[in-house]
Full PDB file with SEQRES, HELIX, SHEET, SSBOND, CRYST1, ORIGX, SCALE, CONECT and MASTER records, all heavy atoms in Angstrom:
SEQRES   1 A   39  ASN PHE LEU GLY ASN VAL GLU SER ARG GLU ILE MET ASP          
SEQRES   2 A   39  GLY THR ALA ASP VAL VAL VAL ALA ASP GLY PHE SER GLY          
SEQRES   3 A   39  ASN ALA THR LEU LYS ALA ILE GLU GLY THR ALA LEU THR          
HELIX    1 AA1 SER A    8  GLU A   10  5                                   3    
HELIX    2 AA2 GLY A   23  LEU A   38  1                                  16    
CRYST1    1.000    1.000    1.000  90.00  90.00  90.00 P 1           1          
ORIGX1      1.000000  0.000000  0.000000        0.00000                         
ORIGX2      0.000000  1.000000  0.000000        0.00000                         
ORIGX3      0.000000  0.000000  1.000000        0.00000                         
SCALE1      1.000000  0.000000  0.000000        0.00000                         
SCALE2      0.000000  1.000000  0.000000        0.00000                         
SCALE3      0.000000  0.000000  1.000000        0.00000                         
ATOM      1  N   ASN A   1      17.726   0.238  -1.493  1.00  0.00           N  
ATOM      2  CA  ASN A   1      17.474  -0.560  -2.677  1.00  0.00           C  
ATOM      3  C   ASN A   1      16.102  -0.210  -3.294  1.00  0.00           C  
ATOM      4  O   ASN A   1      15.085  -0.847  -2.980  1.00  0.00           O  
ATOM      5  CB  ASN A   1      17.540  -2.051  -2.283  1.00  0.00           C  
ATOM      6  CG  ASN A   1      17.277  -2.983  -3.471  1.00  0.00           C  
ATOM      7  OD1 ASN A   1      17.411  -2.597  -4.617  1.00  0.00           O  
ATOM      8  ND2 ASN A   1      16.869  -4.202  -3.159  1.00  0.00           N  
ATOM      9  N   PHE A   2      16.099   0.819  -4.137  1.00  0.00           N  
ATOM     10  CA  PHE A   2      14.837   1.322  -4.718  1.00  0.00           C  
ATOM     11  C   PHE A   2      14.502   0.586  -5.984  1.00  0.00           C  
ATOM     12  O   PHE A   2      15.316   0.502  -6.911  1.00  0.00           O  
ATOM     13  CB  PHE A   2      14.949   2.810  -4.990  1.00  0.00           C  
ATOM     14  CG  PHE A   2      13.698   3.448  -5.508  1.00  0.00           C  
ATOM     15  CD1 PHE A   2      12.513   3.393  -4.793  1.00  0.00           C  
ATOM     16  CD2 PHE A   2      13.704   4.086  -6.756  1.00  0.00           C  
ATOM     17  CE1 PHE A   2      11.356   3.939  -5.290  1.00  0.00           C  
ATOM     18  CE2 PHE A   2      12.524   4.632  -7.252  1.00  0.00           C  
ATOM     19  CZ  PHE A   2      11.372   4.584  -6.515  1.00  0.00           C  
ATOM     20  N   LEU A   3      13.265   0.067  -6.085  1.00  0.00           N  
ATOM     21  CA  LEU A   3      12.812  -0.686  -7.249  1.00  0.00           C  
ATOM     22  C   LEU A   3      11.669  -0.035  -8.032  1.00  0.00           C  
ATOM     23  O   LEU A   3      11.056  -0.662  -8.840  1.00  0.00           O  
ATOM     24  CB  LEU A   3      12.387  -2.112  -6.813  1.00  0.00           C  
ATOM     25  CG  LEU A   3      13.470  -2.973  -6.165  1.00  0.00           C  
ATOM     26  CD1 LEU A   3      12.898  -4.365  -5.901  1.00  0.00           C  
ATOM     27  CD2 LEU A   3      14.701  -3.049  -7.045  1.00  0.00           C  
ATOM     28  N   GLY A   4      11.430   1.257  -7.732  1.00  0.00           N  
ATOM     29  CA  GLY A   4      10.440   1.956  -8.519  1.00  0.00           C  
ATOM     30  C   GLY A   4       9.093   2.130  -7.812  1.00  0.00           C  
ATOM     31  O   GLY A   4       8.909   1.874  -6.623  1.00  0.00           O  
ATOM     32  N   ASN A   5       8.114   2.564  -8.584  1.00  0.00           N  
ATOM     33  CA  ASN A   5       6.756   2.815  -8.063  1.00  0.00           C  
ATOM     34  C   ASN A   5       5.990   1.498  -7.852  1.00  0.00           C  
ATOM     35  O   ASN A   5       6.308   0.463  -8.441  1.00  0.00           O  
ATOM     36  CB  ASN A   5       5.966   3.650  -9.038  1.00  0.00           C  
ATOM     37  CG  ASN A   5       6.459   5.133  -9.113  1.00  0.00           C  
ATOM     38  OD1 ASN A   5       7.050   5.584  -8.152  1.00  0.00           O  
ATOM     39  ND2 ASN A   5       6.208   5.793 -10.196  1.00  0.00           N  
ATOM     40  N   VAL A   6       4.966   1.594  -7.054  1.00  0.00           N  
ATOM     41  CA  VAL A   6       4.021   0.472  -6.856  1.00  0.00           C  
ATOM     42  C   VAL A   6       2.632   1.049  -6.705  1.00  0.00           C  
ATOM     43  O   VAL A   6       2.443   2.096  -6.110  1.00  0.00           O  
ATOM     44  CB  VAL A   6       4.421  -0.389  -5.622  1.00  0.00           C  
ATOM     45  CG1 VAL A   6       4.284   0.418  -4.321  1.00  0.00           C  
ATOM     46  CG2 VAL A   6       3.568  -1.647  -5.548  1.00  0.00           C  
ATOM     47  N   GLU A   7       1.663   0.391  -7.321  1.00  0.00           N  
ATOM     48  CA  GLU A   7       0.270   0.793  -7.151  1.00  0.00           C  
ATOM     49  C   GLU A   7      -0.335   0.169  -5.933  1.00  0.00           C  
ATOM     50  O   GLU A   7       0.119  -0.868  -5.465  1.00  0.00           O  
ATOM     51  CB  GLU A   7      -0.551   0.374  -8.418  1.00  0.00           C  
ATOM     52  CG  GLU A   7      -0.080   1.058  -9.674  1.00  0.00           C  
ATOM     53  CD  GLU A   7      -0.950   0.691 -10.875  1.00  0.00           C  
ATOM     54  OE1 GLU A   7      -2.189   0.549 -10.701  1.00  0.00           O  
ATOM     55  OE2 GLU A   7      -0.390   0.551 -11.975  1.00  0.00           O  
ATOM     56  N   SER A   8      -1.384   0.792  -5.387  1.00  0.00           N  
ATOM     57  CA  SER A   8      -1.977   0.313  -4.119  1.00  0.00           C  
ATOM     58  C   SER A   8      -2.498  -1.107  -4.270  1.00  0.00           C  
ATOM     59  O   SER A   8      -2.444  -1.883  -3.277  1.00  0.00           O  
ATOM     60  CB  SER A   8      -3.095   1.249  -3.686  1.00  0.00           C  
ATOM     61  OG  SER A   8      -4.080   1.390  -4.690  1.00  0.00           O  
ATOM     62  N   ARG A   9      -2.978  -1.502  -5.420  1.00  0.00           N  
ATOM     63  CA  ARG A   9      -3.492  -2.859  -5.615  1.00  0.00           C  
ATOM     64  C   ARG A   9      -2.412  -3.921  -5.554  1.00  0.00           C  
ATOM     65  O   ARG A   9      -2.693  -5.128  -5.408  1.00  0.00           O  
ATOM     66  CB  ARG A   9      -4.222  -2.964  -6.949  1.00  0.00           C  
ATOM     67  CG  ARG A   9      -3.308  -2.755  -8.170  1.00  0.00           C  
ATOM     68  CD  ARG A   9      -4.089  -2.947  -9.462  1.00  0.00           C  
ATOM     69  NE  ARG A   9      -3.212  -2.699 -10.620  1.00  0.00           N  
ATOM     70  CZ  ARG A   9      -3.623  -2.865 -11.887  1.00  0.00           C  
ATOM     71  NH1 ARG A   9      -4.867  -3.223 -12.122  1.00  0.00           N  
ATOM     72  NH2 ARG A   9      -2.789  -2.611 -12.862  1.00  0.00           N  
ATOM     73  N   GLU A  10      -1.148  -3.530  -5.626  1.00  0.00           N  
ATOM     74  CA  GLU A  10      -0.056  -4.484  -5.659  1.00  0.00           C  
ATOM     75  C   GLU A  10       0.769  -4.560  -4.358  1.00  0.00           C  
ATOM     76  O   GLU A  10       1.642  -5.441  -4.240  1.00  0.00           O  
ATOM     77  CB  GLU A  10       0.926  -4.098  -6.783  1.00  0.00           C  
ATOM     78  CG  GLU A  10       0.309  -4.060  -8.157  1.00  0.00           C  
ATOM     79  CD  GLU A  10       1.202  -3.433  -9.202  1.00  0.00           C  
ATOM     80  OE1 GLU A  10       2.097  -2.635  -8.834  1.00  0.00           O  
ATOM     81  OE2 GLU A  10       1.032  -3.780 -10.374  1.00  0.00           O  
ATOM     82  N   ILE A  11       0.490  -3.702  -3.391  1.00  0.00           N  
ATOM     83  CA  ILE A  11       1.398  -3.601  -2.270  1.00  0.00           C  
ATOM     84  C   ILE A  11       1.389  -4.854  -1.369  1.00  0.00           C  
ATOM     85  O   ILE A  11       2.352  -5.100  -0.654  1.00  0.00           O  
ATOM     86  CB  ILE A  11       1.146  -2.337  -1.420  1.00  0.00           C  
ATOM     87  CG1 ILE A  11      -0.238  -2.387  -0.736  1.00  0.00           C  
ATOM     88  CG2 ILE A  11       1.314  -1.100  -2.223  1.00  0.00           C  
ATOM     89  CD1 ILE A  11      -0.460  -1.262   0.256  1.00  0.00           C  
ATOM     90  N   MET A  12       0.315  -5.651  -1.421  1.00  0.00           N  
ATOM     91  CA  MET A  12       0.265  -6.858  -0.610  1.00  0.00           C  
ATOM     92  C   MET A  12       0.694  -8.106  -1.365  1.00  0.00           C  
ATOM     93  O   MET A  12       0.562  -9.227  -0.881  1.00  0.00           O  
ATOM     94  CB  MET A  12      -1.141  -7.059  -0.034  1.00  0.00           C  
ATOM     95  CG  MET A  12      -1.576  -5.927   0.904  1.00  0.00           C  
ATOM     96  SD  MET A  12      -3.236  -6.086   1.561  1.00  0.00           S  
ATOM     97  CE  MET A  12      -2.998  -7.380   2.766  1.00  0.00           C  
ATOM     98  N   ASP A  13       1.248  -7.910  -2.569  1.00  0.00           N  
ATOM     99  CA  ASP A  13       1.701  -9.047  -3.401  1.00  0.00           C  
ATOM    100  C   ASP A  13       3.100  -9.505  -3.033  1.00  0.00           C  
ATOM    101  O   ASP A  13       3.585 -10.483  -3.641  1.00  0.00           O  
ATOM    102  CB  ASP A  13       1.649  -8.646  -4.884  1.00  0.00           C  
ATOM    103  CG  ASP A  13       0.246  -8.508  -5.397  1.00  0.00           C  
ATOM    104  OD1 ASP A  13      -0.682  -8.930  -4.708  1.00  0.00           O  
ATOM    105  OD2 ASP A  13       0.080  -7.952  -6.515  1.00  0.00           O  
ATOM    106  N   GLY A  14       3.793  -8.793  -2.158  1.00  0.00           N  
ATOM    107  CA  GLY A  14       5.121  -9.192  -1.741  1.00  0.00           C  
ATOM    108  C   GLY A  14       6.230  -8.709  -2.637  1.00  0.00           C  
ATOM    109  O   GLY A  14       7.337  -9.230  -2.625  1.00  0.00           O  
ATOM    110  N   THR A  15       5.949  -7.685  -3.462  1.00  0.00           N  
ATOM    111  CA  THR A  15       6.978  -7.139  -4.377  1.00  0.00           C  
ATOM    112  C   THR A  15       7.837  -6.067  -3.736  1.00  0.00           C  
ATOM    113  O   THR A  15       8.742  -5.557  -4.370  1.00  0.00           O  
ATOM    114  CB  THR A  15       6.329  -6.563  -5.626  1.00  0.00           C  
ATOM    115  OG1 THR A  15       5.428  -5.507  -5.277  1.00  0.00           O  
ATOM    116  CG2 THR A  15       5.529  -7.643  -6.375  1.00  0.00           C  
ATOM    117  N   ALA A  16       7.542  -5.719  -2.475  1.00  0.00           N  
ATOM    118  CA  ALA A  16       8.331  -4.710  -1.764  1.00  0.00           C  
ATOM    119  C   ALA A  16       8.432  -5.085  -0.311  1.00  0.00           C  
ATOM    120  O   ALA A  16       7.504  -5.697   0.255  1.00  0.00           O  
ATOM    121  CB  ALA A  16       7.698  -3.316  -1.900  1.00  0.00           C  
ATOM    122  N   ASP A  17       9.563  -4.714   0.317  1.00  0.00           N  
ATOM    123  CA  ASP A  17       9.731  -4.898   1.756  1.00  0.00           C  
ATOM    124  C   ASP A  17       9.455  -3.597   2.502  1.00  0.00           C  
ATOM    125  O   ASP A  17       9.212  -3.592   3.694  1.00  0.00           O  
ATOM    126  CB  ASP A  17      11.176  -5.350   2.055  1.00  0.00           C  
ATOM    127  CG  ASP A  17      11.507  -6.650   1.323  1.00  0.00           C  
ATOM    128  OD1 ASP A  17      10.725  -7.609   1.464  1.00  0.00           O  
ATOM    129  OD2 ASP A  17      12.517  -6.674   0.602  1.00  0.00           O  
ATOM    130  N   VAL A  18       9.526  -2.484   1.776  1.00  0.00           N  
ATOM    131  CA  VAL A  18       9.175  -1.165   2.321  1.00  0.00           C  
ATOM    132  C   VAL A  18       8.376  -0.422   1.282  1.00  0.00           C  
ATOM    133  O   VAL A  18       8.811  -0.300   0.131  1.00  0.00           O  
ATOM    134  CB  VAL A  18      10.456  -0.336   2.652  1.00  0.00           C  
ATOM    135  CG1 VAL A  18      10.071   1.035   3.185  1.00  0.00           C  
ATOM    136  CG2 VAL A  18      11.339  -1.067   3.649  1.00  0.00           C  
ATOM    137  N   VAL A  19       7.194   0.040   1.646  1.00  0.00           N  
ATOM    138  CA  VAL A  19       6.377   0.872   0.757  1.00  0.00           C  
ATOM    139  C   VAL A  19       6.306   2.254   1.369  1.00  0.00           C  
ATOM    140  O   VAL A  19       5.847   2.431   2.489  1.00  0.00           O  
ATOM    141  CB  VAL A  19       4.960   0.287   0.544  1.00  0.00           C  
ATOM    142  CG1 VAL A  19       4.079   1.282  -0.238  1.00  0.00           C  
ATOM    143  CG2 VAL A  19       5.021  -1.053  -0.170  1.00  0.00           C  
ATOM    144  N   VAL A  20       6.778   3.240   0.623  1.00  0.00           N  
ATOM    145  CA  VAL A  20       6.800   4.629   1.070  1.00  0.00           C  
ATOM    146  C   VAL A  20       5.629   5.374   0.466  1.00  0.00           C  
ATOM    147  O   VAL A  20       5.344   5.255  -0.738  1.00  0.00           O  
ATOM    148  CB  VAL A  20       8.138   5.291   0.632  1.00  0.00           C  
ATOM    149  CG1 VAL A  20       8.089   6.808   0.894  1.00  0.00           C  
ATOM    150  CG2 VAL A  20       9.323   4.654   1.376  1.00  0.00           C  
ATOM    151  N   ALA A  21       4.954   6.157   1.301  1.00  0.00           N  
ATOM    152  CA  ALA A  21       3.798   6.915   0.853  1.00  0.00           C  
ATOM    153  C   ALA A  21       3.753   8.272   1.570  1.00  0.00           C  
ATOM    154  O   ALA A  21       4.264   8.382   2.674  1.00  0.00           O  
ATOM    155  CB  ALA A  21       2.487   6.154   1.109  1.00  0.00           C  
ATOM    156  N   ASP A  22       3.127   9.234   0.940  1.00  0.00           N  
ATOM    157  CA  ASP A  22       2.788  10.443   1.692  1.00  0.00           C  
ATOM    158  C   ASP A  22       1.662  10.079   2.686  1.00  0.00           C  
ATOM    159  O   ASP A  22       0.978   9.104   2.510  1.00  0.00           O  
ATOM    160  CB  ASP A  22       2.346  11.562   0.760  1.00  0.00           C  
ATOM    161  CG  ASP A  22       1.044  11.238   0.029  1.00  0.00           C  
ATOM    162  OD1 ASP A  22      -0.039  11.545   0.566  1.00  0.00           O  
ATOM    163  OD2 ASP A  22       1.120  10.632  -1.070  1.00  0.00           O  
ATOM    164  N   GLY A  23       1.548  10.843   3.762  1.00  0.00           N  
ATOM    165  CA  GLY A  23       0.641  10.491   4.833  1.00  0.00           C  
ATOM    166  C   GLY A  23      -0.820  10.394   4.413  1.00  0.00           C  
ATOM    167  O   GLY A  23      -1.563   9.534   4.901  1.00  0.00           O  
ATOM    168  N   PHE A  24      -1.262  11.252   3.494  1.00  0.00           N  
ATOM    169  CA  PHE A  24      -2.645  11.195   3.021  1.00  0.00           C  
ATOM    170  C   PHE A  24      -2.903   9.924   2.262  1.00  0.00           C  
ATOM    171  O   PHE A  24      -3.868   9.189   2.562  1.00  0.00           O  
ATOM    172  CB  PHE A  24      -2.945  12.397   2.144  1.00  0.00           C  
ATOM    173  CG  PHE A  24      -4.352  12.424   1.625  1.00  0.00           C  
ATOM    174  CD1 PHE A  24      -5.372  13.000   2.361  1.00  0.00           C  
ATOM    175  CD2 PHE A  24      -4.660  11.881   0.371  1.00  0.00           C  
ATOM    176  CE1 PHE A  24      -6.696  13.016   1.878  1.00  0.00           C  
ATOM    177  CE2 PHE A  24      -5.950  11.894  -0.098  1.00  0.00           C  
ATOM    178  CZ  PHE A  24      -6.971  12.465   0.651  1.00  0.00           C  
ATOM    179  N   SER A  25      -2.068   9.589   1.280  1.00  0.00           N  
ATOM    180  CA  SER A  25      -2.247   8.383   0.468  1.00  0.00           C  
ATOM    181  C   SER A  25      -2.100   7.123   1.307  1.00  0.00           C  
ATOM    182  O   SER A  25      -2.809   6.152   1.132  1.00  0.00           O  
ATOM    183  CB  SER A  25      -1.255   8.377  -0.701  1.00  0.00           C  
ATOM    184  OG  SER A  25      -1.448   9.501  -1.517  1.00  0.00           O  
ATOM    185  N   GLY A  26      -1.089   7.138   2.221  1.00  0.00           N  
ATOM    186  CA  GLY A  26      -0.841   5.953   3.028  1.00  0.00           C  
ATOM    187  C   GLY A  26      -2.021   5.681   3.952  1.00  0.00           C  
ATOM    188  O   GLY A  26      -2.440   4.522   4.079  1.00  0.00           O  
ATOM    189  N   ASN A  27      -2.568   6.704   4.586  1.00  0.00           N  
ATOM    190  CA  ASN A  27      -3.707   6.517   5.481  1.00  0.00           C  
ATOM    191  C   ASN A  27      -4.940   6.076   4.707  1.00  0.00           C  
ATOM    192  O   ASN A  27      -5.680   5.163   5.177  1.00  0.00           O  
ATOM    193  CB  ASN A  27      -3.985   7.783   6.252  1.00  0.00           C  
ATOM    194  CG  ASN A  27      -5.004   7.611   7.348  1.00  0.00           C  
ATOM    195  OD1 ASN A  27      -6.178   7.843   7.171  1.00  0.00           O  
ATOM    196  ND2 ASN A  27      -4.543   7.161   8.502  1.00  0.00           N  
ATOM    197  N   ALA A  28      -5.189   6.683   3.539  1.00  0.00           N  
ATOM    198  CA  ALA A  28      -6.357   6.270   2.742  1.00  0.00           C  
ATOM    199  C   ALA A  28      -6.238   4.844   2.289  1.00  0.00           C  
ATOM    200  O   ALA A  28      -7.223   4.077   2.310  1.00  0.00           O  
ATOM    201  CB  ALA A  28      -6.483   7.233   1.548  1.00  0.00           C  
ATOM    202  N   THR A  29      -5.019   4.439   1.860  1.00  0.00           N  
ATOM    203  CA  THR A  29      -4.811   3.046   1.429  1.00  0.00           C  
ATOM    204  C   THR A  29      -5.024   2.063   2.579  1.00  0.00           C  
ATOM    205  O   THR A  29      -5.650   1.026   2.415  1.00  0.00           O  
ATOM    206  CB  THR A  29      -3.422   2.913   0.849  1.00  0.00           C  
ATOM    207  OG1 THR A  29      -3.252   3.790  -0.276  1.00  0.00           O  
ATOM    208  CG2 THR A  29      -3.132   1.499   0.375  1.00  0.00           C  
ATOM    209  N   LEU A  30      -4.449   2.424   3.739  1.00  0.00           N  
ATOM    210  CA  LEU A  30      -4.603   1.579   4.919  1.00  0.00           C  
ATOM    211  C   LEU A  30      -6.064   1.333   5.238  1.00  0.00           C  
ATOM    212  O   LEU A  30      -6.501   0.185   5.425  1.00  0.00           O  
ATOM    213  CB  LEU A  30      -3.915   2.245   6.107  1.00  0.00           C  
ATOM    214  CG  LEU A  30      -4.201   1.655   7.504  1.00  0.00           C  
ATOM    215  CD1 LEU A  30      -3.586   0.271   7.609  1.00  0.00           C  
ATOM    216  CD2 LEU A  30      -3.629   2.565   8.577  1.00  0.00           C  
ATOM    217  N   LYS A  31      -6.866   2.390   5.261  1.00  0.00           N  
ATOM    218  CA  LYS A  31      -8.261   2.280   5.679  1.00  0.00           C  
ATOM    219  C   LYS A  31      -9.073   1.537   4.584  1.00  0.00           C  
ATOM    220  O   LYS A  31     -10.018   0.776   4.902  1.00  0.00           O  
ATOM    221  CB  LYS A  31      -8.844   3.629   5.942  1.00  0.00           C  
ATOM    222  CG  LYS A  31      -8.324   4.203   7.232  1.00  0.00           C  
ATOM    223  CD  LYS A  31      -8.818   5.645   7.508  1.00  0.00           C  
ATOM    224  CE  LYS A  31      -8.269   6.156   8.818  1.00  0.00           C  
ATOM    225  NZ  LYS A  31      -8.675   7.561   9.096  1.00  0.00           N  
ATOM    226  N   ALA A  32      -8.702   1.724   3.307  1.00  0.00           N  
ATOM    227  CA  ALA A  32      -9.383   0.991   2.250  1.00  0.00           C  
ATOM    228  C   ALA A  32      -9.140  -0.499   2.327  1.00  0.00           C  
ATOM    229  O   ALA A  32     -10.063  -1.333   2.179  1.00  0.00           O  
ATOM    230  CB  ALA A  32      -8.944   1.526   0.879  1.00  0.00           C  
ATOM    231  N   ILE A  33      -7.887  -0.866   2.650  1.00  0.00           N  
ATOM    232  CA  ILE A  33      -7.559  -2.304   2.777  1.00  0.00           C  
ATOM    233  C   ILE A  33      -8.216  -2.889   4.006  1.00  0.00           C  
ATOM    234  O   ILE A  33      -8.773  -4.011   3.952  1.00  0.00           O  
ATOM    235  CB  ILE A  33      -6.000  -2.496   2.855  1.00  0.00           C  
ATOM    236  CG1 ILE A  33      -5.393  -2.144   1.487  1.00  0.00           C  
ATOM    237  CG2 ILE A  33      -5.644  -3.916   3.246  1.00  0.00           C  
ATOM    238  CD1 ILE A  33      -3.886  -2.140   1.507  1.00  0.00           C  
ATOM    239  N   GLU A  34      -8.196  -2.180   5.133  1.00  0.00           N  
ATOM    240  CA  GLU A  34      -8.846  -2.654   6.341  1.00  0.00           C  
ATOM    241  C   GLU A  34     -10.347  -2.872   6.091  1.00  0.00           C  
ATOM    242  O   GLU A  34     -10.906  -3.885   6.455  1.00  0.00           O  
ATOM    243  CB  GLU A  34      -8.672  -1.640   7.467  1.00  0.00           C  
ATOM    244  CG  GLU A  34      -7.310  -1.592   8.096  1.00  0.00           C  
ATOM    245  CD  GLU A  34      -7.185  -0.585   9.213  1.00  0.00           C  
ATOM    246  OE1 GLU A  34      -7.974   0.364   9.224  1.00  0.00           O  
ATOM    247  OE2 GLU A  34      -6.319  -0.760  10.061  1.00  0.00           O  
ATOM    248  N   GLY A  35     -11.001  -1.897   5.482  1.00  0.00           N  
ATOM    249  CA  GLY A  35     -12.426  -2.009   5.207  1.00  0.00           C  
ATOM    250  C   GLY A  35     -12.748  -3.137   4.246  1.00  0.00           C  
ATOM    251  O   GLY A  35     -13.716  -3.890   4.468  1.00  0.00           O  
ATOM    252  N   THR A  36     -11.923  -3.320   3.217  1.00  0.00           N  
ATOM    253  CA  THR A  36     -12.146  -4.401   2.263  1.00  0.00           C  
ATOM    254  C   THR A  36     -11.993  -5.768   2.954  1.00  0.00           C  
ATOM    255  O   THR A  36     -12.784  -6.663   2.737  1.00  0.00           O  
ATOM    256  CB  THR A  36     -11.183  -4.283   1.084  1.00  0.00           C  
ATOM    257  OG1 THR A  36     -11.369  -3.029   0.434  1.00  0.00           O  
ATOM    258  CG2 THR A  36     -11.403  -5.405   0.095  1.00  0.00           C  
ATOM    259  N   ALA A  37     -10.946  -5.888   3.764  1.00  0.00           N  
ATOM    260  CA  ALA A  37     -10.713  -7.165   4.455  1.00  0.00           C  
ATOM    261  C   ALA A  37     -11.864  -7.502   5.386  1.00  0.00           C  
ATOM    262  O   ALA A  37     -12.331  -8.669   5.377  1.00  0.00           O  
ATOM    263  CB  ALA A  37      -9.403  -7.091   5.259  1.00  0.00           C  
ATOM    264  N   LEU A  38     -12.339  -6.539   6.134  1.00  0.00           N  
ATOM    265  CA  LEU A  38     -13.474  -6.779   7.060  1.00  0.00           C  
ATOM    266  C   LEU A  38     -14.732  -7.162   6.278  1.00  0.00           C  
ATOM    267  O   LEU A  38     -15.453  -8.082   6.654  1.00  0.00           O  
ATOM    268  CB  LEU A  38     -13.737  -5.557   7.901  1.00  0.00           C  
ATOM    269  CG  LEU A  38     -12.700  -5.215   8.996  1.00  0.00           C  
ATOM    270  CD1 LEU A  38     -12.959  -3.854   9.582  1.00  0.00           C  
ATOM    271  CD2 LEU A  38     -12.697  -6.275  10.076  1.00  0.00           C  
ATOM    272  N   THR A  39     -14.983  -6.442   5.187  1.00  0.00           N  
ATOM    273  CA  THR A  39     -16.172  -6.724   4.388  1.00  0.00           C  
ATOM    274  C   THR A  39     -16.109  -8.108   3.742  1.00  0.00           C  
ATOM    275  O   THR A  39     -17.106  -8.878   3.774  1.00  0.00           O  
ATOM    276  CB  THR A  39     -16.343  -5.677   3.281  1.00  0.00           C  
ATOM    277  OG1 THR A  39     -16.495  -4.377   3.882  1.00  0.00           O  
ATOM    278  CG2 THR A  39     -17.575  -5.943   2.426  1.00  0.00           C  
TER     279      THR A  39                                                      
MASTER        0    0    0    2    0    0    0    6  278    1    0    3          
END                                                                             
């Protein structure tokens, strides 16, 4: 059930149950979110 693209700022809004990324973008997004949450 594909619903289109999503930007990194929206992935935690609950608009997707699966977010697909290439490994570089996915890892960078993960670390950015982790760092922001900790800060």
